[in-house]
Structure formats: structure tokens, C-alpha cells
Amino acid sequence: MTTQETQYTVADRVATITLNRPDRLNAWTRNMEKEVRQAMETAAADDNVRVVVVTGAGRGFCAGADMSLLQDVADKGLHPLPDAANGGVADDFQRQYSYFPSVPKPIIAAVNGPCVGLGFVIAMFCDLRIASDEAKFGTAFARRGLIAEYGLAWLLPRIAGHANAMDILLSARIFGAQEALRMGIVNQVEPAAAFPAAVAAYARELANTVSPRSMAVIKRQVYGGMTQTLGQALDVATTEMRASLQCEDFKEGVAHFVEKRAPAFTGR
């Protein structure tokens, strides 16, 4: 029987997707993969959601692929989910796991504990990562006879730098939150006791003080820029700037600043 392996909640314009197999440190399954993608699509389509948080139930974020999934892959080969169509987004960011950048809202990985293997891949495809000081990271692939999975060989050097990426991938060692912070893998580290509140506060700040239209465009610019020349990126910026000057959020951005009040962005 198929069981629900994630939880989806919305509060204060923030959608939280919680991987919900705490007894297995939220090890990843095919069912969980489907549920997370469905949750991302729901969040993307909901105007009441401006930020998405991905986290794990219990004491782990995601300890990697469940052994049953690994055995299934070993027996039958890879079975990626169908790619979702997403207008205006490069094909690179519409594939299995790499579709996170196509979600037009910031995605924060709230890494509360072990984040290893496929769990590490999931966290790296998020836009931002906030870690508990009890979090642990690692790829594990080379110690299982595997390779850098799901585009991580392309993504990790862009986030952590070439030397750090080679170390993490080749050694497959486990490292802590402070080292992850030094390498630029996480944006901030919070004490475990204060971690949930710190993540919630950051997510609410984005949701309530920043134009959702601006966030969507900036996210598209950043990921698009990964495969563009500087000239192409400049052309995109010029086009997007002209469009932004005509939008409601720009007018509200000026008005709330001049009037010294909280913004009331609509995303239009």
C-alpha cells in the first residue's frame, strides 16, 4: 500500500515540504520523489505561496536513497520521472531533481540533520541552504561504487569551487555544518535549538518584504546565466529591467519606501 511519505503545509506565505520517514532518516523512495514533485508543482501554482522550505522530519534531512530503491536501480536500471513542461525554462532545469530551479519561487533547504548521497543532491538543487549545527553532509557515491549523480559534477563546483567539489566527491567523506559553511555549501548555520525559528524567520522575511515577481525573475536570471555569455546575460537584464519598470511591484516598491510602511507586493 502506498503511504504518504511527505507532509505539505502552508503558513505565512511559506510552503513547507517535510520528508516524512523519520524512522529511516527520511531515506528517499520513488513514492517520496513523486510526492515532492507534486508538492513543488502545487507551491509553484499557489499565489498564496511565495517561498518553499524543504526539510526532514525527526533528526535527519535525508540519508540518501533507500536501499530498496538502490536495489531496484541495480536490478532494473534508472527510471526517471517524466520531465514537466515549464515554459521559458531551459531543458537543463526540467529534468529529474534538476527541476528545482524551474520553480519560480525561492527554495530553502532546511538541513536539520544527516544530508547524504541523494539527500545531498536534493539540498544542492535548492536555492539556499540553512543548516543546524548538528547537520552532517557527504556524497557517499564513491564509497558505494557509484559516480557523481544527477548533475552534481556540474553543480557542486559552481557552488563550492573546483577543489572543494573534488574533495567532497572523490573522498565521499562526512563533514559538518561549519565546514559546509566555509565551503559555501550552506548560507548559514544555526544552533539546533534555534534552528526551526531561524529558518521560519528567514523564509517569512523573503515572503513578506520582497517582491515575488522580482524573486521569480532573479531566480530565472541566475540559473539562465549559468549557460549564457556575459553579453547574453546583459541583454536579458536589459529586457527584464524594462519590463519591471512597468509592473505593479515596482510602483509599490517605490511607494512603500517613500511612505515608510510595510510593502504590499502583489507579484504583478
Protein backbone atom coordinates (compact mmCIF):
# COMPACT_ATOMS: atom_id res chain seq x y z
CA MET A 1 0.00 0.00 0.00
CA THR A 2 1.28 3.41 -0.91
CA THR A 3 1.83 5.58 2.15
CA GLN A 4 2.26 9.31 2.41
CA GLU A 5 5.98 9.95 2.78
CA THR A 6 5.90 13.75 2.82
CA GLN A 7 3.91 16.46 4.56
CA TYR A 8 2.86 19.70 2.88
CA THR A 9 1.80 22.76 4.86
CA VAL A 10 1.39 26.47 4.13
CA ALA A 11 1.68 29.26 6.69
CA ASP A 12 2.66 32.92 6.40
CA ARG A 13 3.05 32.55 2.60
CA VAL A 14 5.66 29.82 3.12
CA ALA A 15 5.08 26.26 1.90
CA THR A 16 6.95 23.60 3.86
CA ILE A 17 7.64 20.21 2.33
CA THR A 18 8.71 17.77 5.04
CA LEU A 19 10.28 14.45 4.11
CA ASN A 20 8.42 12.14 6.46
CA ARG A 21 10.20 8.83 7.04
CA PRO A 22 11.90 9.74 10.33
CA ASP A 23 12.49 6.12 11.30
CA ARG A 24 14.71 5.78 8.21
CA LEU A 25 16.29 9.25 8.43
CA ASN A 26 13.97 10.17 5.55
CA ALA A 27 15.71 7.88 3.09
CA TRP A 28 14.50 8.66 -0.43
CA THR A 29 11.98 6.44 -2.25
CA ARG A 30 10.18 6.54 -5.61
CA ASN A 31 6.98 7.48 -3.80
CA MET A 32 8.71 10.32 -1.95
CA GLU A 33 10.13 11.56 -5.26
CA LYS A 34 6.65 11.74 -6.77
CA GLU A 35 5.17 13.44 -3.72
CA VAL A 36 7.91 16.08 -3.60
CA ARG A 37 7.44 16.89 -7.28
CA GLN A 38 3.67 17.17 -6.82
CA ALA A 39 4.21 19.44 -3.81
CA MET A 40 6.59 21.65 -5.78
CA GLU A 41 4.06 21.97 -8.59
CA THR A 42 1.34 22.84 -6.06
CA ALA A 43 3.53 25.50 -4.45
CA ALA A 44 4.50 26.95 -7.82
CA ALA A 45 0.85 27.36 -8.82
CA ASP A 46 -0.35 28.82 -5.50
CA ASP A 47 -0.34 32.62 -5.39
CA ASN A 48 -0.50 32.42 -1.60
CA VAL A 49 2.92 30.74 -1.56
CA ARG A 50 5.99 32.90 -2.06
CA VAL A 51 8.75 30.74 -0.56
CA VAL A 52 9.26 26.97 -0.30
CA VAL A 53 11.13 25.21 2.52
CA VAL A 54 12.28 21.58 2.22
CA THR A 55 13.21 19.82 5.46
CA GLY A 56 13.15 16.43 7.16
CA ALA A 57 11.06 15.02 9.98
CA GLY A 58 12.85 13.86 13.10
CA ARG A 59 16.61 14.08 13.38
CA GLY A 60 17.58 13.81 9.71
CA PHE A 61 17.20 15.74 6.48
CA CYS A 62 17.66 12.82 4.07
CA ALA A 63 20.14 9.99 4.49
CA GLY A 64 20.17 9.21 0.77
CA ALA A 65 18.37 6.66 -1.36
CA ASP A 66 16.54 3.90 0.47
CA MET A 67 18.23 0.54 -0.01
CA SER A 68 15.12 -0.79 -1.74
CA LEU A 69 15.46 2.00 -4.31
CA LEU A 70 19.15 1.23 -4.81
CA GLN A 71 18.35 -2.45 -5.29
CA ASP A 72 15.60 -1.57 -7.76
CA VAL A 73 18.02 0.57 -9.75
CA ALA A 74 20.64 -2.16 -9.65
CA ASP A 75 18.12 -4.72 -10.93
CA LYS A 76 16.15 -2.66 -13.44
CA GLY A 77 18.22 0.41 -14.27
CA LEU A 78 17.30 4.07 -13.88
CA HIS A 79 13.66 5.09 -14.22
CA PRO A 80 13.50 8.89 -14.16
CA LEU A 81 10.15 10.61 -13.79
CA PRO A 82 8.71 12.28 -16.90
CA ASP A 83 10.01 15.79 -17.31
CA ALA A 84 7.49 18.54 -16.61
CA ALA A 85 6.98 21.18 -19.26
CA ASN A 86 7.84 24.65 -17.98
CA GLY A 87 7.70 27.48 -20.47
CA GLY A 88 10.72 29.73 -20.61
CA VAL A 89 12.94 27.41 -18.58
CA ALA A 90 15.96 25.70 -20.11
CA ASP A 91 15.69 21.95 -20.62
CA ASP A 92 18.63 21.54 -18.22
CA PHE A 93 16.36 22.63 -15.38
CA GLN A 94 13.37 20.45 -16.20
CA ARG A 95 14.89 17.06 -15.52
CA GLN A 96 14.88 14.66 -12.60
CA TYR A 97 15.94 16.60 -9.46
CA SER A 98 17.28 19.48 -11.57
CA TYR A 99 13.74 20.85 -11.91
CA PHE A 100 14.01 22.79 -8.61
CA PRO A 101 15.46 25.84 -10.44
CA SER A 102 12.36 25.90 -12.67
CA VAL A 103 10.11 26.53 -9.65
CA PRO A 104 9.56 30.31 -9.80
CA LYS A 105 9.91 30.74 -6.04
CA PRO A 106 12.93 30.53 -3.72
CA ILE A 107 13.51 27.05 -2.33
CA ILE A 108 15.30 26.80 1.02
CA ALA A 109 16.79 23.52 2.21
CA ALA A 110 16.44 23.47 5.99
CA VAL A 111 19.09 20.84 6.77
CA ASN A 112 18.31 19.63 10.27
CA GLY A 113 20.50 16.52 10.35
CA PRO A 114 22.23 13.97 8.10
CA CYS A 115 22.21 15.09 4.44
CA VAL A 116 23.96 12.40 2.46
CA GLY A 117 24.00 10.88 -1.02
CA LEU A 118 20.80 11.65 -2.87
CA GLY A 119 19.78 13.83 0.08
CA PHE A 120 22.87 15.94 -0.62
CA VAL A 121 21.84 16.24 -4.28
CA ILE A 122 18.36 17.42 -3.26
CA ALA A 123 19.80 20.06 -0.93
CA MET A 124 22.24 21.32 -3.57
CA PHE A 125 19.47 21.88 -6.09
CA CYS A 126 17.69 24.14 -3.61
CA ASP A 127 18.44 27.86 -3.96
CA LEU A 128 19.57 28.40 -0.38
CA ARG A 129 20.66 26.11 2.44
CA ILE A 130 20.35 26.77 6.16
CA ALA A 131 21.87 24.13 8.41
CA SER A 132 21.55 23.13 12.02
CA ASP A 133 24.90 22.89 13.78
CA GLU A 134 24.10 19.17 14.12
CA ALA A 135 23.83 18.65 10.35
CA LYS A 136 26.22 16.30 8.56
CA PHE A 137 26.95 16.24 4.83
CA GLY A 138 28.51 13.82 2.36
CA THR A 139 28.08 12.35 -1.10
CA ALA A 140 28.78 8.66 -0.29
CA PHE A 141 28.79 7.79 -4.02
CA ALA A 142 32.45 6.78 -4.43
CA ARG A 143 32.20 4.56 -1.35
CA ARG A 144 29.30 2.67 -2.95
CA GLY A 145 30.99 2.14 -6.31
CA LEU A 146 28.92 4.95 -7.83
CA ILE A 147 29.67 8.25 -9.57
CA ALA A 148 28.68 11.90 -9.15
CA GLU A 149 24.95 11.53 -9.64
CA TYR A 150 22.24 13.72 -11.17
CA GLY A 151 24.39 16.56 -12.46
CA LEU A 152 26.28 17.08 -9.19
CA ALA A 153 29.61 17.15 -11.10
CA TRP A 154 28.29 20.25 -12.91
CA LEU A 155 26.53 21.91 -9.96
CA LEU A 156 28.84 21.35 -7.00
CA PRO A 157 31.95 23.12 -8.45
CA ARG A 158 29.75 26.15 -9.17
CA ILE A 159 28.67 26.30 -5.54
CA ALA A 160 31.71 25.13 -3.59
CA GLY A 161 34.56 25.65 -6.08
CA HIS A 162 36.56 23.08 -8.06
CA ALA A 163 38.93 21.95 -5.30
CA ASN A 164 36.22 21.55 -2.67
CA ALA A 165 33.97 19.71 -5.10
CA MET A 166 36.74 17.27 -5.99
CA ASP A 167 37.43 16.62 -2.31
CA ILE A 168 33.76 16.05 -1.48
CA LEU A 169 33.13 13.80 -4.48
CA LEU A 170 36.35 11.77 -4.50
CA SER A 171 36.69 11.18 -0.76
CA ALA A 172 32.95 10.76 -0.12
CA ARG A 173 33.76 11.74 3.46
CA ILE A 174 31.29 13.07 6.00
CA PHE A 175 31.75 16.68 7.11
CA GLY A 176 29.98 19.01 9.48
CA ALA A 177 27.93 22.17 9.17
CA GLN A 178 30.74 24.62 9.94
CA GLU A 179 32.94 23.13 7.23
CA ALA A 180 29.98 23.26 4.85
CA LEU A 181 29.62 26.95 5.70
CA ARG A 182 33.30 27.62 5.00
CA MET A 183 32.98 25.94 1.59
CA GLY A 184 29.88 27.94 0.70
CA ILE A 185 27.65 24.86 0.62
CA VAL A 186 25.33 26.37 3.24
CA ASN A 187 24.40 30.01 3.67
CA GLN A 188 24.17 29.97 7.45
CA VAL A 189 24.43 27.65 10.44
CA GLU A 190 22.16 27.92 13.45
CA PRO A 191 22.22 26.19 16.86
CA ALA A 192 19.88 23.19 16.83
CA ALA A 193 17.59 24.68 19.47
CA ALA A 194 17.12 27.89 17.48
CA PHE A 195 17.17 26.28 14.03
CA PRO A 196 13.42 25.97 13.25
CA ALA A 197 12.74 29.55 14.33
CA ALA A 198 15.70 30.88 12.33
CA VAL A 199 14.55 29.13 9.15
CA ALA A 200 10.98 30.34 9.63
CA ALA A 201 12.13 33.93 10.23
CA TYR A 202 14.29 33.98 7.09
CA ALA A 203 11.55 32.44 4.94
CA ARG A 204 8.95 34.89 6.27
CA GLU A 205 11.28 37.81 5.57
CA LEU A 206 11.54 36.79 1.92
CA ALA A 207 7.82 36.12 1.68
CA ASN A 208 6.71 39.41 3.22
CA THR A 209 9.33 42.03 2.34
CA VAL A 210 10.46 41.12 -1.20
CA SER A 211 8.59 41.31 -4.48
CA PRO A 212 7.60 37.78 -5.56
CA ARG A 213 7.87 38.91 -9.17
CA SER A 214 11.42 40.11 -8.57
CA MET A 215 12.37 36.82 -6.90
CA ALA A 216 11.00 34.79 -9.81
CA VAL A 217 12.82 36.87 -12.42
CA ILE A 218 16.09 36.95 -10.46
CA LYS A 219 16.00 33.19 -9.97
CA ARG A 220 15.44 32.71 -13.71
CA GLN A 221 18.31 35.12 -14.47
CA VAL A 222 20.76 33.37 -12.14
CA TYR A 223 20.13 29.87 -13.44
CA GLY A 224 19.89 31.04 -17.04
CA GLY A 225 23.18 32.86 -16.58
CA MET A 226 24.93 29.57 -15.84
CA THR A 227 24.76 28.71 -19.53
CA GLN A 228 24.91 32.22 -21.03
CA THR A 229 27.71 34.51 -22.11
CA LEU A 230 28.09 37.82 -20.30
CA GLY A 231 26.63 39.58 -23.32
CA GLN A 232 23.57 37.36 -23.29
CA ALA A 233 23.10 37.93 -19.56
CA LEU A 234 23.34 41.69 -20.10
CA ASP A 235 20.72 41.54 -22.84
CA VAL A 236 18.37 39.56 -20.60
CA ALA A 237 18.92 42.05 -17.76
CA THR A 238 18.08 44.98 -20.04
CA THR A 239 14.87 43.33 -21.22
CA GLU A 240 13.83 42.35 -17.69
CA MET A 241 14.61 45.80 -16.29
CA ARG A 242 12.39 47.48 -18.87
CA ALA A 243 9.57 45.07 -18.01
CA SER A 244 10.00 45.55 -14.27
CA LEU A 245 9.67 49.34 -14.60
CA GLN A 246 6.14 48.80 -15.91
CA CYS A 247 4.98 46.37 -13.22
CA GLU A 248 2.84 46.97 -10.13
CA ASP A 249 5.52 45.68 -7.77
CA PHE A 250 7.95 48.38 -8.90
CA LYS A 251 5.38 51.08 -8.16
CA GLU A 252 4.68 49.52 -4.77
CA GLY A 253 8.41 49.18 -4.09
CA VAL A 254 8.85 52.93 -4.52
CA ALA A 255 5.62 53.81 -2.69
CA HIS A 256 6.26 51.80 0.47
CA PHE A 257 9.82 53.14 0.70
CA VAL A 258 8.69 56.77 0.35
CA GLU A 259 5.74 56.27 2.69
CA LYS A 260 7.86 54.36 5.22
CA ARG A 261 5.43 51.45 5.57
CA ALA A 262 5.47 47.69 5.06
CA PRO A 263 5.26 46.63 1.40
CA ALA A 264 2.12 45.12 -0.10
CA PHE A 265 3.53 43.38 -3.14
CA THR A 266 1.13 41.51 -5.41
CA GLY A 267 3.60 39.74 -7.67
CA ARG A 268 2.31 41.61 -10.69
